N, C-alpha and C. Protein backbone atom coordinates (compact mmCIF):
# COMPACT_ATOMS: atom_id res chain seq x y z
N UNK A 1 127.16 84.38 70.42
CA UNK A 1 126.33 85.50 70.84
C UNK A 1 125.25 85.75 70.33
N UNK A 2 124.52 86.44 71.57
CA UNK A 2 123.01 86.91 70.99
C UNK A 2 122.88 88.33 70.57
N UNK A 3 121.90 88.67 69.61
CA UNK A 3 121.75 90.02 69.52
C UNK A 3 120.42 90.35 69.43
N UNK A 4 120.35 91.44 70.25
CA UNK A 4 118.87 91.80 70.56
C UNK A 4 118.43 93.07 69.96
N UNK A 5 117.41 93.28 69.65
CA UNK A 5 116.67 93.98 68.52
C UNK A 5 115.65 94.94 69.66
N UNK A 6 115.76 96.18 69.54
CA UNK A 6 114.50 96.87 70.40
C UNK A 6 113.64 97.59 69.32
N UNK A 7 112.42 97.55 69.84
CA UNK A 7 111.44 98.20 68.77
C UNK A 7 111.64 99.90 69.07
N UNK A 8 111.58 100.38 68.04
CA UNK A 8 111.67 101.90 67.97
C UNK A 8 110.10 102.78 67.98
N UNK A 9 110.05 103.55 68.70
CA UNK A 9 108.39 103.88 68.60
C UNK A 9 108.90 105.37 67.83
N UNK A 10 107.88 105.24 66.95
CA UNK A 10 108.06 106.75 65.93
C UNK A 10 107.38 108.07 66.36
N UNK A 11 106.02 107.53 67.04
CA UNK A 11 105.21 108.53 67.51
C UNK A 11 104.83 108.05 68.90
N UNK A 12 105.40 108.47 70.01
CA UNK A 12 104.92 107.95 71.09
C UNK A 12 103.78 108.27 71.55
N UNK A 13 102.63 107.83 72.13
CA UNK A 13 101.22 108.40 72.71
C UNK A 13 101.66 108.85 74.10
N UNK A 14 101.13 109.84 74.13
CA UNK A 14 101.19 110.71 75.66
C UNK A 14 100.27 109.87 76.72
N UNK A 15 100.91 109.45 77.90
CA UNK A 15 100.26 108.76 79.06
C UNK A 15 99.65 109.75 79.87
N UNK A 16 98.38 109.64 80.25
CA UNK A 16 97.80 110.74 80.79
C UNK A 16 96.99 109.98 81.85
N UNK A 17 97.78 109.88 83.11
CA UNK A 17 97.33 109.65 84.49
C UNK A 17 96.99 110.15 85.12
N UNK A 18 95.69 110.10 85.88
CA UNK A 18 94.79 110.79 86.43
C UNK A 18 94.62 110.55 87.52
N UNK A 19 94.66 111.12 88.86
CA UNK A 19 94.15 110.77 90.24
C UNK A 19 92.60 110.30 89.89
N UNK A 20 91.82 110.99 89.44
CA UNK A 20 90.28 110.81 89.12
C UNK A 20 90.22 109.42 88.70
N UNK A 21 90.90 109.24 87.60
CA UNK A 21 90.95 107.51 87.43
C UNK A 21 91.54 106.17 88.18
N UNK A 22 92.47 106.79 88.83
CA UNK A 22 92.71 105.55 90.08
C UNK A 22 91.86 105.66 91.04
N UNK A 23 91.15 106.69 91.26
CA UNK A 23 89.87 106.59 92.26
C UNK A 23 88.71 105.82 91.65
N UNK A 24 88.56 106.10 90.26
CA UNK A 24 87.53 105.32 89.96
C UNK A 24 87.73 103.94 90.00
N UNK A 25 88.73 103.23 89.62
CA UNK A 25 89.46 102.03 89.56
C UNK A 25 89.02 101.31 90.84
N UNK A 26 89.60 101.97 91.65
CA UNK A 26 89.47 101.77 93.70
C UNK A 26 88.37 101.56 93.88
N UNK A 27 87.53 102.55 93.41
CA UNK A 27 85.79 102.48 93.88
C UNK A 27 85.05 101.21 92.75
N UNK A 28 85.76 100.67 92.00
CA UNK A 28 84.83 99.58 91.53
C UNK A 28 85.43 98.17 92.32
N UNK A 29 86.91 98.29 92.48
CA UNK A 29 87.22 96.88 92.94
C UNK A 29 86.96 96.99 94.36
N UNK A 30 86.67 98.36 95.31
CA UNK A 30 86.72 98.12 96.76
C UNK A 30 85.73 97.28 97.22
N UNK A 31 84.56 97.43 96.98
CA UNK A 31 83.49 96.57 97.52
C UNK A 31 83.52 95.32 97.57
N UNK A 32 84.10 94.24 96.04
CA UNK A 32 84.41 93.13 96.11
C UNK A 32 85.52 92.43 97.12
N UNK A 33 86.51 93.49 97.05
CA UNK A 33 87.72 93.07 98.08
C UNK A 33 87.26 93.17 99.13
N UNK A 34 86.43 94.21 99.73
CA UNK A 34 85.61 94.12 101.24
C UNK A 34 85.04 92.69 101.51
N UNK A 35 84.06 92.46 100.63
CA UNK A 35 83.20 91.55 100.37
C UNK A 35 84.25 90.29 100.68
N UNK A 36 85.19 89.95 100.01
CA UNK A 36 86.05 88.84 100.49
C UNK A 36 87.06 88.82 101.25
N UNK A 37 86.80 90.21 102.23
CA UNK A 37 87.55 90.21 103.42
C UNK A 37 88.81 90.39 103.46
N UNK A 38 89.37 91.22 102.25
CA UNK A 38 90.81 91.66 101.87
C UNK A 38 90.58 93.23 102.45
N UNK A 39 91.45 93.35 103.48
CA UNK A 39 91.39 95.22 103.66
C UNK A 39 92.73 95.62 103.39
N UNK A 40 93.54 94.83 103.16
CA UNK A 40 95.16 95.26 103.10
C UNK A 40 95.43 94.88 101.74
N UNK A 41 95.14 95.56 100.54
CA UNK A 41 95.72 94.84 99.14
C UNK A 41 96.75 96.05 98.46
N UNK A 42 97.01 95.49 97.55
CA UNK A 42 98.11 96.74 96.81
C UNK A 42 97.53 96.37 95.12
N UNK A 43 97.35 97.41 94.63
CA UNK A 43 96.54 97.89 93.28
C UNK A 43 97.79 98.25 92.47
N UNK A 44 98.18 97.18 91.51
CA UNK A 44 99.39 97.66 90.50
C UNK A 44 98.19 98.33 89.50
N UNK A 45 98.59 99.81 89.35
CA UNK A 45 97.60 100.58 88.28
C UNK A 45 99.03 101.10 87.23
N UNK A 46 98.94 100.90 86.02
CA UNK A 46 99.83 101.45 85.44
C UNK A 46 98.87 102.26 84.10
N UNK A 47 99.50 103.48 84.05
CA UNK A 47 98.70 104.31 83.09
C UNK A 47 97.33 104.65 84.03
N UNK A 48 96.04 104.10 83.16
CA UNK A 48 94.94 104.27 83.95
C UNK A 48 94.25 102.77 83.88
N UNK A 49 95.18 101.83 83.89
CA UNK A 49 94.61 100.47 83.90
C UNK A 49 95.17 99.56 85.23
N UNK A 50 94.40 99.14 85.52
CA UNK A 50 94.39 98.04 86.27
C UNK A 50 95.06 96.79 86.16
N UNK A 51 96.26 96.36 86.45
CA UNK A 51 97.24 95.52 86.04
C UNK A 51 96.82 94.18 86.75
N UNK A 52 96.74 94.25 88.08
CA UNK A 52 97.43 93.28 88.96
C UNK A 52 96.37 93.62 90.40
N UNK A 53 95.95 92.76 91.34
CA UNK A 53 95.87 93.08 92.32
C UNK A 53 96.60 91.95 93.46
N UNK A 54 97.47 92.49 94.31
CA UNK A 54 98.25 91.73 94.84
C UNK A 54 97.68 91.84 96.44
N UNK A 55 97.18 90.32 96.86
CA UNK A 55 96.54 90.21 98.24
C UNK A 55 97.57 89.26 99.23
N UNK A 56 98.36 88.91 98.84
CA UNK A 56 99.34 88.02 99.54
C UNK A 56 100.72 88.86 100.35
N UNK A 57 100.82 89.68 99.27
CA UNK A 57 102.32 90.86 99.59
C UNK A 57 101.80 92.15 99.24
N UNK A 58 101.10 92.87 99.75
CA UNK A 58 100.67 94.30 99.22
C UNK A 58 101.84 95.34 99.67
């Protein structure tokens, strides 16, 4: 039998997600994606960070 332990967060940090930050990220990656001929992609943004760009299955 396996026992699992989960970390307990004492003071969680509030996650501030803003549309402005998402648009900033999109503005940064957009020119390069167009240069590579990628017009339909999925951007995985968690919080205010770009985690992954999906080009095969957006």
